[in-house]
Every structure is written in C-alpha cells, then in structure tokens.
Amino acid sequence: YASAGDPDGQVSVLLNEASAVLAANHGAPESIRDQLLGGLTLTAGRPPSRGEGLLHLYLGDAYDRCGEPAAARDHWQQALTILTRLGDADAVRARRGLGP
C-alpha cells in the first residue's frame, strides 16, 4: 500500500495487525503502539475518518497495556470524539475505555 500511495490501505493494515496483536495479548505492546503512532502521520492533514478514530482506539489499548493510563485515556477520548462525530458504532468501545 505504501508503494501504491494508498494511505487508507496502510492504515487498514496497521489496524488489522494491531487488532490481532492486542487480541492475542502477546508481543510487545510498545512495538504496536509505535507502529500505530506512525499510522497517525498517514491521517494528518486529512478530514477525521474512521481509520483515524480506530487508530486512537487501539492506541488507547496499547498505552493501557504499556501501563500508561493517562495516555490511554487521551487516545480513547480522541477516538470517542472522532467516532461519535462520524456516527460510528466503535464509539461505544471508546466510551467503555473511559469508564463511567
């Protein structure tokens, strides 16, 4: 996707990989966190999208696994803001991360 100049495709690949790593609860969460942070550069300067919202959602999960709850909450809040604005069902997952 990178060679084709397809940032949306690149974001999709990152999200699939992050989802698999985080769901399996193995591997280094720091590694997937760093990859997802790199993915945010692909969405910079573009209108908010589902991909950007999901990047923040998974970043929240990764930061949480890294023992950084404040950073996790920041990313979950970003995800909630973006996904709610888009009317996306994954906003519910972001809200759950933020607690009551």
PDB file of N, CA and C in Angstrom:
ATOM      1  N   TYR A   1       0.815  -1.195   0.000  1.00  0.00           N
ATOM      2  CA  TYR A   1       0.000   0.000   0.000  1.00  0.00           C
ATOM      3  C   TYR A   1       0.860   1.260   0.000  1.00  0.00           C
ATOM      4  N   ALA A   2       2.012   1.180   0.641  1.00  0.00           N
ATOM      5  CA  ALA A   2       2.890   2.345   0.669  1.00  0.00           C
ATOM      6  C   ALA A   2       3.382   2.668  -0.731  1.00  0.00           C
ATOM      7  N   SER A   3       3.786   1.635  -1.473  1.00  0.00           N
ATOM      8  CA  SER A   3       4.305   1.876  -2.815  1.00  0.00           C
ATOM      9  C   SER A   3       3.216   2.349  -3.764  1.00  0.00           C
ATOM     10  N   ALA A   4       1.969   2.022  -3.478  1.00  0.00           N
ATOM     11  CA  ALA A   4       0.851   2.457  -4.319  1.00  0.00           C
ATOM     12  C   ALA A   4       0.343   3.837  -3.908  1.00  0.00           C
ATOM     13  N   GLY A   5       0.918   4.399  -2.840  1.00  0.00           N
ATOM     14  CA  GLY A   5       0.458   5.703  -2.360  1.00  0.00           C
ATOM     15  C   GLY A   5      -0.951   5.652  -1.805  1.00  0.00           C
ATOM     16  N   ASP A   6      -1.267   4.563  -1.099  1.00  0.00           N
ATOM     17  CA  ASP A   6      -2.610   4.356  -0.558  1.00  0.00           C
ATOM     18  C   ASP A   6      -2.573   4.426   0.963  1.00  0.00           C
ATOM     19  N   PRO A   7      -2.674   5.651   1.533  1.00  0.00           N
ATOM     20  CA  PRO A   7      -2.605   5.755   2.995  1.00  0.00           C
ATOM     21  C   PRO A   7      -3.745   5.038   3.703  1.00  0.00           C
ATOM     22  N   ASP A   8      -4.930   5.004   3.089  1.00  0.00           N
ATOM     23  CA  ASP A   8      -6.049   4.298   3.728  1.00  0.00           C
ATOM     24  C   ASP A   8      -5.760   2.808   3.819  1.00  0.00           C
ATOM     25  N   GLY A   9      -5.150   2.264   2.783  1.00  0.00           N
ATOM     26  CA  GLY A   9      -4.760   0.850   2.805  1.00  0.00           C
ATOM     27  C   GLY A   9      -3.713   0.581   3.865  1.00  0.00           C
ATOM     28  N   GLN A  10      -2.758   1.491   4.001  1.00  0.00           N
ATOM     29  CA  GLN A  10      -1.724   1.348   5.024  1.00  0.00           C
ATOM     30  C   GLN A  10      -2.344   1.371   6.420  1.00  0.00           C
ATOM     31  N   VAL A  11      -3.285   2.283   6.635  1.00  0.00           N
ATOM     32  CA  VAL A  11      -3.956   2.365   7.935  1.00  0.00           C
ATOM     33  C   VAL A  11      -4.708   1.068   8.206  1.00  0.00           C
ATOM     34  N   SER A  12      -5.376   0.525   7.197  1.00  0.00           N
ATOM     35  CA  SER A  12      -6.115  -0.736   7.365  1.00  0.00           C
ATOM     36  C   SER A  12      -5.193  -1.868   7.777  1.00  0.00           C
ATOM     37  N   VAL A  13      -4.026  -1.956   7.156  1.00  0.00           N
ATOM     38  CA  VAL A  13      -3.058  -2.999   7.504  1.00  0.00           C
ATOM     39  C   VAL A  13      -2.597  -2.826   8.943  1.00  0.00           C
ATOM     40  N   LEU A  14      -2.287  -1.586   9.335  1.00  0.00           N
ATOM     41  CA  LEU A  14      -1.861  -1.325  10.715  1.00  0.00           C
ATOM     42  C   LEU A  14      -2.949  -1.715  11.706  1.00  0.00           C
ATOM     43  N   LEU A  15      -4.188  -1.376  11.396  1.00  0.00           N
ATOM     44  CA  LEU A  15      -5.295  -1.694  12.299  1.00  0.00           C
ATOM     45  C   LEU A  15      -5.497  -3.197  12.423  1.00  0.00           C
ATOM     46  N   ASN A  16      -5.387  -3.914  11.326  1.00  0.00           N
ATOM     47  CA  ASN A  16      -5.533  -5.372  11.368  1.00  0.00           C
ATOM     48  C   ASN A  16      -4.439  -5.999  12.216  1.00  0.00           C
ATOM     49  N   GLU A  17      -3.208  -5.538  12.023  1.00  0.00           N
ATOM     50  CA  GLU A  17      -2.093  -6.070  12.801  1.00  0.00           C
ATOM     51  C   GLU A  17      -2.261  -5.741  14.283  1.00  0.00           C
ATOM     52  N   ALA A  18      -2.624  -4.506  14.588  1.00  0.00           N
ATOM     53  CA  ALA A  18      -2.806  -4.102  15.981  1.00  0.00           C
ATOM     54  C   ALA A  18      -3.914  -4.908  16.637  1.00  0.00           C
ATOM     55  N   SER A  19      -4.994  -5.083  15.930  1.00  0.00           N
ATOM     56  CA  SER A  19      -6.116  -5.848  16.461  1.00  0.00           C
ATOM     57  C   SER A  19      -5.690  -7.267  16.803  1.00  0.00           C
ATOM     58  N   ALA A  20      -4.943  -7.898  15.908  1.00  0.00           N
ATOM     59  CA  ALA A  20      -4.502  -9.272  16.140  1.00  0.00           C
ATOM     60  C   ALA A  20      -3.547  -9.357  17.320  1.00  0.00           C
ATOM     61  N   VAL A  21      -2.595  -8.457  17.389  1.00  0.00           N
ATOM     62  CA  VAL A  21      -1.605  -8.481  18.478  1.00  0.00           C
ATOM     63  C   VAL A  21      -2.266  -8.206  19.814  1.00  0.00           C
ATOM     64  N   LEU A  22      -3.126  -7.201  19.862  1.00  0.00           N
ATOM     65  CA  LEU A  22      -3.767  -6.844  21.131  1.00  0.00           C
ATOM     66  C   LEU A  22      -4.762  -7.913  21.569  1.00  0.00           C
ATOM     67  N   ALA A  23      -5.475  -8.514  20.626  1.00  0.00           N
ATOM     68  CA  ALA A  23      -6.437  -9.560  20.980  1.00  0.00           C
ATOM     69  C   ALA A  23      -5.732 -10.816  21.482  1.00  0.00           C
ATOM     70  N   ALA A  24      -4.595 -11.140  20.883  1.00  0.00           N
ATOM     71  CA  ALA A  24      -3.857 -12.340  21.282  1.00  0.00           C
ATOM     72  C   ALA A  24      -3.107 -12.118  22.596  1.00  0.00           C
ATOM     73  N   ASN A  25      -2.969 -10.840  22.985  1.00  0.00           N
ATOM     74  CA  ASN A  25      -2.286 -10.492  24.219  1.00  0.00           C
ATOM     75  C   ASN A  25      -0.865 -11.058  24.265  1.00  0.00           C
ATOM     76  N   HIS A  26      -0.210 -11.010  23.118  1.00  0.00           N
ATOM     77  CA  HIS A  26       1.201 -11.400  23.082  1.00  0.00           C
ATOM     78  C   HIS A  26       1.965 -10.370  22.257  1.00  0.00           C
ATOM     79  N   GLY A  27       3.234 -10.442  22.317  1.00  0.00           N
ATOM     80  CA  GLY A  27       4.050  -9.455  21.627  1.00  0.00           C
ATOM     81  C   GLY A  27       4.230  -8.229  22.510  1.00  0.00           C
ATOM     82  N   ALA A  28       5.041  -7.332  22.023  1.00  0.00           N
ATOM     83  CA  ALA A  28       5.358  -6.124  22.788  1.00  0.00           C
ATOM     84  C   ALA A  28       4.353  -5.031  22.463  1.00  0.00           C
ATOM     85  N   PRO A  29       3.555  -4.600  23.456  1.00  0.00           N
ATOM     86  CA  PRO A  29       2.600  -3.524  23.174  1.00  0.00           C
ATOM     87  C   PRO A  29       3.308  -2.229  22.762  1.00  0.00           C
ATOM     88  N   GLU A  30       4.553  -2.057  23.199  1.00  0.00           N
ATOM     89  CA  GLU A  30       5.302  -0.860  22.819  1.00  0.00           C
ATOM     90  C   GLU A  30       5.530  -0.825  21.311  1.00  0.00           C
ATOM     91  N   SER A  31       5.798  -1.990  20.739  1.00  0.00           N
ATOM     92  CA  SER A  31       6.056  -2.087  19.301  1.00  0.00           C
ATOM     93  C   SER A  31       4.809  -1.715  18.506  1.00  0.00           C
ATOM     94  N   ILE A  32       3.670  -2.275  18.882  1.00  0.00           N
ATOM     95  CA  ILE A  32       2.442  -1.970  18.148  1.00  0.00           C
ATOM     96  C   ILE A  32       2.036  -0.521  18.394  1.00  0.00           C
ATOM     97  N   ARG A  33       2.283  -0.013  19.598  1.00  0.00           N
ATOM     98  CA  ARG A  33       1.993   1.400  19.893  1.00  0.00           C
ATOM     99  C   ARG A  33       2.791   2.302  18.955  1.00  0.00           C
ATOM    100  N   ASP A  34       4.070   2.010  18.790  1.00  0.00           N
ATOM    101  CA  ASP A  34       4.914   2.831  17.925  1.00  0.00           C
ATOM    102  C   ASP A  34       4.454   2.764  16.472  1.00  0.00           C
ATOM    103  N   GLN A  35       4.022   1.591  16.025  1.00  0.00           N
ATOM    104  CA  GLN A  35       3.515   1.464  14.659  1.00  0.00           C
ATOM    105  C   GLN A  35       2.231   2.271  14.481  1.00  0.00           C
ATOM    106  N   LEU A  36       1.360   2.207  15.459  1.00  0.00           N
ATOM    107  CA  LEU A  36       0.109   2.963  15.373  1.00  0.00           C
ATOM    108  C   LEU A  36       0.362   4.473  15.397  1.00  0.00           C
ATOM    109  N   LEU A  37       1.324   4.903  16.207  1.00  0.00           N
ATOM    110  CA  LEU A  37       1.679   6.324  16.214  1.00  0.00           C
ATOM    111  C   LEU A  37       2.152   6.750  14.831  1.00  0.00           C
ATOM    112  N   GLY A  38       2.923   5.885  14.177  1.00  0.00           N
ATOM    113  CA  GLY A  38       3.349   6.162  12.812  1.00  0.00           C
ATOM    114  C   GLY A  38       2.160   6.250  11.871  1.00  0.00           C
ATOM    115  N   GLY A  39       1.143   5.440  12.130  1.00  0.00           N
ATOM    116  CA  GLY A  39      -0.054   5.468  11.314  1.00  0.00           C
ATOM    117  C   GLY A  39      -0.792   6.789  11.395  1.00  0.00           C
ATOM    118  N   LEU A  40      -0.699   7.456  12.547  1.00  0.00           N
ATOM    119  CA  LEU A  40      -1.361   8.756  12.678  1.00  0.00           C
ATOM    120  C   LEU A  40      -0.796   9.774  11.695  1.00  0.00           C
ATOM    121  N   THR A  41       0.464   9.618  11.318  1.00  0.00           N
ATOM    122  CA  THR A  41       1.042  10.548  10.338  1.00  0.00           C
ATOM    123  C   THR A  41       0.359  10.393   8.979  1.00  0.00           C
ATOM    124  N   LEU A  42      -0.178   9.200   8.713  1.00  0.00           N
ATOM    125  CA  LEU A  42      -0.873   8.969   7.438  1.00  0.00           C
ATOM    126  C   LEU A  42      -2.215   9.688   7.385  1.00  0.00           C
ATOM    127  N   THR A  43      -2.774  10.001   8.550  1.00  0.00           N
ATOM    128  CA  THR A  43      -4.076  10.669   8.591  1.00  0.00           C
ATOM    129  C   THR A  43      -3.948  12.176   8.830  1.00  0.00           C
ATOM    130  N   ALA A  44      -2.733  12.636   9.097  1.00  0.00           N
ATOM    131  CA  ALA A  44      -2.514  14.057   9.388  1.00  0.00           C
ATOM    132  C   ALA A  44      -2.913  14.918   8.196  1.00  0.00           C
ATOM    133  N   GLY A  45      -3.604  16.001   8.485  1.00  0.00           N
ATOM    134  CA  GLY A  45      -3.996  16.937   7.448  1.00  0.00           C
ATOM    135  C   GLY A  45      -5.194  16.492   6.625  1.00  0.00           C
ATOM    136  N   ARG A  46      -5.796  15.387   6.993  1.00  0.00           N
ATOM    137  CA  ARG A  46      -6.965  14.882   6.283  1.00  0.00           C
ATOM    138  C   ARG A  46      -8.181  15.047   7.188  1.00  0.00           C
ATOM    139  N   PRO A  47      -9.373  15.041   6.618  1.00  0.00           N
ATOM    140  CA  PRO A  47     -10.575  15.121   7.466  1.00  0.00           C
ATOM    141  C   PRO A  47     -10.638  13.919   8.407  1.00  0.00           C
ATOM    142  N   PRO A  48     -11.230  14.093   9.588  1.00  0.00           N
ATOM    143  CA  PRO A  48     -11.357  12.962  10.516  1.00  0.00           C
ATOM    144  C   PRO A  48     -12.034  11.782   9.812  1.00  0.00           C
ATOM    145  N   SER A  49     -11.520  10.589  10.090  1.00  0.00           N
ATOM    146  CA  SER A  49     -12.027   9.385   9.431  1.00  0.00           C
ATOM    147  C   SER A  49     -12.163   8.250  10.440  1.00  0.00           C
ATOM    148  N   ARG A  50     -12.857   7.230  10.023  1.00  0.00           N
ATOM    149  CA  ARG A  50     -12.999   6.032  10.854  1.00  0.00           C
ATOM    150  C   ARG A  50     -11.618   5.439  11.154  1.00  0.00           C
ATOM    151  N   GLY A  51     -10.751   5.421  10.152  1.00  0.00           N
ATOM    152  CA  GLY A  51      -9.401   4.890  10.353  1.00  0.00           C
ATOM    153  C   GLY A  51      -8.646   5.637  11.436  1.00  0.00           C
ATOM    154  N   GLU A  52      -8.734   6.951  11.426  1.00  0.00           N
ATOM    155  CA  GLU A  52      -8.064   7.744  12.458  1.00  0.00           C
ATOM    156  C   GLU A  52      -8.664   7.459  13.828  1.00  0.00           C
ATOM    157  N   GLY A  53      -9.994   7.364  13.886  1.00  0.00           N
ATOM    158  CA  GLY A  53     -10.644   7.055  15.157  1.00  0.00           C
ATOM    159  C   GLY A  53     -10.205   5.705  15.700  1.00  0.00           C
ATOM    160  N   LEU A  54     -10.126   4.708  14.814  1.00  0.00           N
ATOM    161  CA  LEU A  54      -9.702   3.378  15.250  1.00  0.00           C
ATOM    162  C   LEU A  54      -8.233   3.351  15.633  1.00  0.00           C
ATOM    163  N   LEU A  55      -7.405   4.145  14.955  1.00  0.00           N
ATOM    164  CA  LEU A  55      -6.001   4.245  15.370  1.00  0.00           C
ATOM    165  C   LEU A  55      -5.928   4.722  16.819  1.00  0.00           C
ATOM    166  N   HIS A  56      -6.696   5.749  17.138  1.00  0.00           N
ATOM    167  CA  HIS A  56      -6.693   6.253  18.520  1.00  0.00           C
ATOM    168  C   HIS A  56      -7.260   5.218  19.497  1.00  0.00           C
ATOM    169  N   LEU A  57      -8.289   4.503  19.083  1.00  0.00           N
ATOM    170  CA  LEU A  57      -8.880   3.477  19.945  1.00  0.00           C
ATOM    171  C   LEU A  57      -7.848   2.404  20.286  1.00  0.00           C
ATOM    172  N   TYR A  58      -7.153   1.896  19.274  1.00  0.00           N
ATOM    173  CA  TYR A  58      -6.144   0.863  19.512  1.00  0.00           C
ATOM    174  C   TYR A  58      -4.918   1.428  20.226  1.00  0.00           C
ATOM    175  N   LEU A  59      -4.599   2.693  19.971  1.00  0.00           N
ATOM    176  CA  LEU A  59      -3.505   3.318  20.724  1.00  0.00           C
ATOM    177  C   LEU A  59      -3.848   3.380  22.208  1.00  0.00           C
ATOM    178  N   GLY A  60      -5.092   3.678  22.518  1.00  0.00           N
ATOM    179  CA  GLY A  60      -5.515   3.663  23.918  1.00  0.00           C
ATOM    180  C   GLY A  60      -5.299   2.296  24.536  1.00  0.00           C
ATOM    181  N   ASP A  61      -5.679   1.255  23.799  1.00  0.00           N
ATOM    182  CA  ASP A  61      -5.481  -0.108  24.297  1.00  0.00           C
ATOM    183  C   ASP A  61      -3.998  -0.418  24.487  1.00  0.00           C
ATOM    184  N   ALA A  62      -3.180  -0.008  23.518  1.00  0.00           N
ATOM    185  CA  ALA A  62      -1.743  -0.281  23.596  1.00  0.00           C
ATOM    186  C   ALA A  62      -1.103   0.466  24.764  1.00  0.00           C
ATOM    187  N   TYR A  63      -1.450   1.743  24.924  1.00  0.00           N
ATOM    188  CA  TYR A  63      -0.907   2.505  26.051  1.00  0.00           C
ATOM    189  C   TYR A  63      -1.360   1.903  27.380  1.00  0.00           C
ATOM    190  N   ASP A  64      -2.589   1.438  27.436  1.00  0.00           N
ATOM    191  CA  ASP A  64      -3.078   0.796  28.647  1.00  0.00           C
ATOM    192  C   ASP A  64      -2.232  -0.436  28.965  1.00  0.00           C
ATOM    193  N   ARG A  65      -1.933  -1.234  27.963  1.00  0.00           N
ATOM    194  CA  ARG A  65      -1.099  -2.431  28.166  1.00  0.00           C
ATOM    195  C   ARG A  65       0.332  -2.070  28.544  1.00  0.00           C
ATOM    196  N   CYS A  66       0.767  -0.878  28.136  1.00  0.00           N
ATOM    197  CA  CYS A  66       2.118  -0.425  28.478  1.00  0.00           C
ATOM    198  C   CYS A  66       2.169   0.190  29.871  1.00  0.00           C
ATOM    199  N   GLY A  67       1.018   0.241  30.557  1.00  0.00           N
ATOM    200  CA  GLY A  67       0.979   0.807  31.905  1.00  0.00           C
ATOM    201  C   GLY A  67       0.967   2.321  31.927  1.00  0.00           C
ATOM    202  N   GLU A  68       0.410   2.937  30.870  1.00  0.00           N
ATOM    203  CA  GLU A  68       0.333   4.392  30.790  1.00  0.00           C
ATOM    204  C   GLU A  68      -1.139   4.815  30.679  1.00  0.00           C
ATOM    205  N   PRO A  69      -1.865   4.766  31.817  1.00  0.00           N
ATOM    206  CA  PRO A  69      -3.309   5.022  31.767  1.00  0.00           C
ATOM    207  C   PRO A  69      -3.690   6.431  31.317  1.00  0.00           C
ATOM    208  N   ALA A  70      -2.904   7.430  31.625  1.00  0.00           N
ATOM    209  CA  ALA A  70      -3.250   8.794  31.206  1.00  0.00           C
ATOM    210  C   ALA A  70      -3.198   8.915  29.683  1.00  0.00           C
ATOM    211  N   ALA A  71      -2.163   8.369  29.082  1.00  0.00           N
ATOM    212  CA  ALA A  71      -2.056   8.395  27.620  1.00  0.00           C
ATOM    213  C   ALA A  71      -3.169   7.562  26.998  1.00  0.00           C
ATOM    214  N   ALA A  72      -3.499   6.426  27.631  1.00  0.00           N
ATOM    215  CA  ALA A  72      -4.586   5.585  27.128  1.00  0.00           C
ATOM    216  C   ALA A  72      -5.888   6.375  27.101  1.00  0.00           C
ATOM    217  N   ARG A  73      -6.194   7.071  28.192  1.00  0.00           N
ATOM    218  CA  ARG A  73      -7.439   7.852  28.266  1.00  0.00           C
ATOM    219  C   ARG A  73      -7.459   8.955  27.214  1.00  0.00           C
ATOM    220  N   ASP A  74      -6.316   9.598  26.985  1.00  0.00           N
ATOM    221  CA  ASP A  74      -6.255  10.652  25.967  1.00  0.00           C
ATOM    222  C   ASP A  74      -6.625  10.100  24.592  1.00  0.00           C
ATOM    223  N   HIS A  75      -6.078   8.947  24.252  1.00  0.00           N
ATOM    224  CA  HIS A  75      -6.367   8.363  22.936  1.00  0.00           C
ATOM    225  C   HIS A  75      -7.795   7.841  22.860  1.00  0.00           C
ATOM    226  N   TRP A  76      -8.300   7.256  23.940  1.00  0.00           N
ATOM    227  CA  TRP A  76      -9.697   6.813  23.943  1.00  0.00           C
ATOM    228  C   TRP A  76     -10.633   8.009  23.775  1.00  0.00           C
ATOM    229  N   GLN A  77     -10.293   9.137  24.394  1.00  0.00           N
ATOM    230  CA  GLN A  77     -11.114  10.338  24.249  1.00  0.00           C
ATOM    231  C   GLN A  77     -11.083  10.835  22.809  1.00  0.00           C
ATOM    232  N   GLN A  78      -9.893  10.832  22.202  1.00  0.00           N
ATOM    233  CA  GLN A  78      -9.783  11.226  20.789  1.00  0.00           C
ATOM    234  C   GLN A  78     -10.644  10.311  19.923  1.00  0.00           C
ATOM    235  N   ALA A  79     -10.553   8.998  20.190  1.00  0.00           N
ATOM    236  CA  ALA A  79     -11.341   8.031  19.423  1.00  0.00           C
ATOM    237  C   ALA A  79     -12.823   8.312  19.587  1.00  0.00           C
ATOM    238  N   LEU A  80     -13.245   8.536  20.817  1.00  0.00           N
ATOM    239  CA  LEU A  80     -14.660   8.803  21.101  1.00  0.00           C
ATOM    240  C   LEU A  80     -15.126  10.044  20.344  1.00  0.00           C
ATOM    241  N   THR A  81     -14.350  11.095  20.380  1.00  0.00           N
ATOM    242  CA  THR A  81     -14.710  12.339  19.703  1.00  0.00           C
ATOM    243  C   THR A  81     -14.863  12.120  18.200  1.00  0.00           C
ATOM    244  N   ILE A  82     -13.879  11.482  17.592  1.00  0.00           N
ATOM    245  CA  ILE A  82     -13.903  11.276  16.140  1.00  0.00           C
ATOM    246  C   ILE A  82     -15.021  10.325  15.736  1.00  0.00           C
ATOM    247  N   LEU A  83     -15.092   9.174  16.409  1.00  0.00           N
ATOM    248  CA  LEU A  83     -16.066   8.156  16.003  1.00  0.00           C
ATOM    249  C   LEU A  83     -17.501   8.598  16.281  1.00  0.00           C
ATOM    250  N   THR A  84     -17.725   9.349  17.359  1.00  0.00           N
ATOM    251  CA  THR A  84     -19.062   9.866  17.643  1.00  0.00           C
ATOM    252  C   THR A  84     -19.466  10.863  16.560  1.00  0.00           C
ATOM    253  N   ARG A  85     -18.547  11.732  16.194  1.00  0.00           N
ATOM    254  CA  ARG A  85     -18.828  12.717  15.147  1.00  0.00           C
ATOM    255  C   ARG A  85     -19.214  12.032  13.837  1.00  0.00           C
ATOM    256  N   LEU A  86     -18.600  10.865  13.577  1.00  0.00           N
ATOM    257  CA  LEU A  86     -18.876  10.128  12.343  1.00  0.00           C
ATOM    258  C   LEU A  86     -20.073   9.191  12.475  1.00  0.00           C
ATOM    259  N   GLY A  87     -20.620   9.071  13.692  1.00  0.00           N
ATOM    260  CA  GLY A  87     -21.743   8.173  13.913  1.00  0.00           C
ATOM    261  C   GLY A  87     -21.348   6.709  13.828  1.00  0.00           C
ATOM    262  N   ASP A  88     -20.110   6.404  14.204  1.00  0.00           N
ATOM    263  CA  ASP A  88     -19.582   5.047  14.088  1.00  0.00           C
ATOM    264  C   ASP A  88     -19.862   4.245  15.363  1.00  0.00           C
ATOM    265  N   ALA A  89     -20.246   3.001  15.194  1.00  0.00           N
ATOM    266  CA  ALA A  89     -20.573   2.128  16.334  1.00  0.00           C
ATOM    267  C   ALA A  89     -19.378   1.862  17.238  1.00  0.00           C
ATOM    268  N   ASP A  90     -18.156   1.965  16.728  1.00  0.00           N
ATOM    269  CA  ASP A  90     -16.988   1.721  17.566  1.00  0.00           C
ATOM    270  C   ASP A  90     -16.804   2.806  18.622  1.00  0.00           C
ATOM    271  N   ALA A  91     -17.580   3.867  18.545  1.00  0.00           N
ATOM    272  CA  ALA A  91     -17.533   4.891  19.594  1.00  0.00           C
ATOM    273  C   ALA A  91     -17.933   4.290  20.933  1.00  0.00           C
ATOM    274  N   VAL A  92     -18.780   3.282  20.907  1.00  0.00           N
ATOM    275  CA  VAL A  92     -19.194   2.613  22.142  1.00  0.00           C
ATOM    276  C   VAL A  92     -17.982   1.983  22.824  1.00  0.00           C
ATOM    277  N   ARG A  93     -17.099   1.347  22.049  1.00  0.00           N
ATOM    278  CA  ARG A  93     -15.882   0.755  22.619  1.00  0.00           C
ATOM    279  C   ARG A  93     -14.996   1.809  23.233  1.00  0.00           C
ATOM    280  N   ALA A  94     -14.873   2.961  22.563  1.00  0.00           N
ATOM    281  CA  ALA A  94     -14.050   4.039  23.090  1.00  0.00           C
ATOM    282  C   ALA A  94     -14.620   4.561  24.400  1.00  0.00           C
ATOM    283  N   ARG A  95     -15.930   4.707  24.460  1.00  0.00           N
ATOM    284  CA  ARG A  95     -16.577   5.194  25.675  1.00  0.00           C
ATOM    285  C   ARG A  95     -16.349   4.222  26.830  1.00  0.00           C
ATOM    286  N   ARG A  96     -16.390   2.915  26.544  1.00  0.00           N
ATOM    287  CA  ARG A  96     -16.179   1.906  27.580  1.00  0.00           C
ATOM    288  C   ARG A  96     -14.788   2.041  28.197  1.00  0.00           C
ATOM    289  N   GLY A  97     -13.788   2.377  27.380  1.00  0.00           N
ATOM    290  CA  GLY A  97     -12.435   2.574  27.889  1.00  0.00           C
ATOM    291  C   GLY A  97     -12.316   3.737  28.838  1.00  0.00           C
ATOM    292  N   LEU A  98     -13.211   4.707  28.698  1.00  0.00           N
ATOM    293  CA  LEU A  98     -13.156   5.882  29.549  1.00  0.00           C
ATOM    294  C   LEU A  98     -13.877   5.700  30.868  1.00  0.00           C
ATOM    295  N   GLY A  99     -14.619   4.617  31.007  1.00  0.00           N
ATOM    296  CA  GLY A  99     -15.306   4.353  32.271  1.00  0.00           C
ATOM    297  C   GLY A  99     -16.572   5.159  32.403  1.00  0.00           C
ATOM    298  N   PRO A 100     -17.133   5.183  33.632  1.00  0.00           N
ATOM    299  CA  PRO A 100     -18.422   5.871  33.838  1.00  0.00           C
ATOM    300  C   PRO A 100     -18.331   7.370  33.659  1.00  0.00           C
TER     301      PRO A 100
END
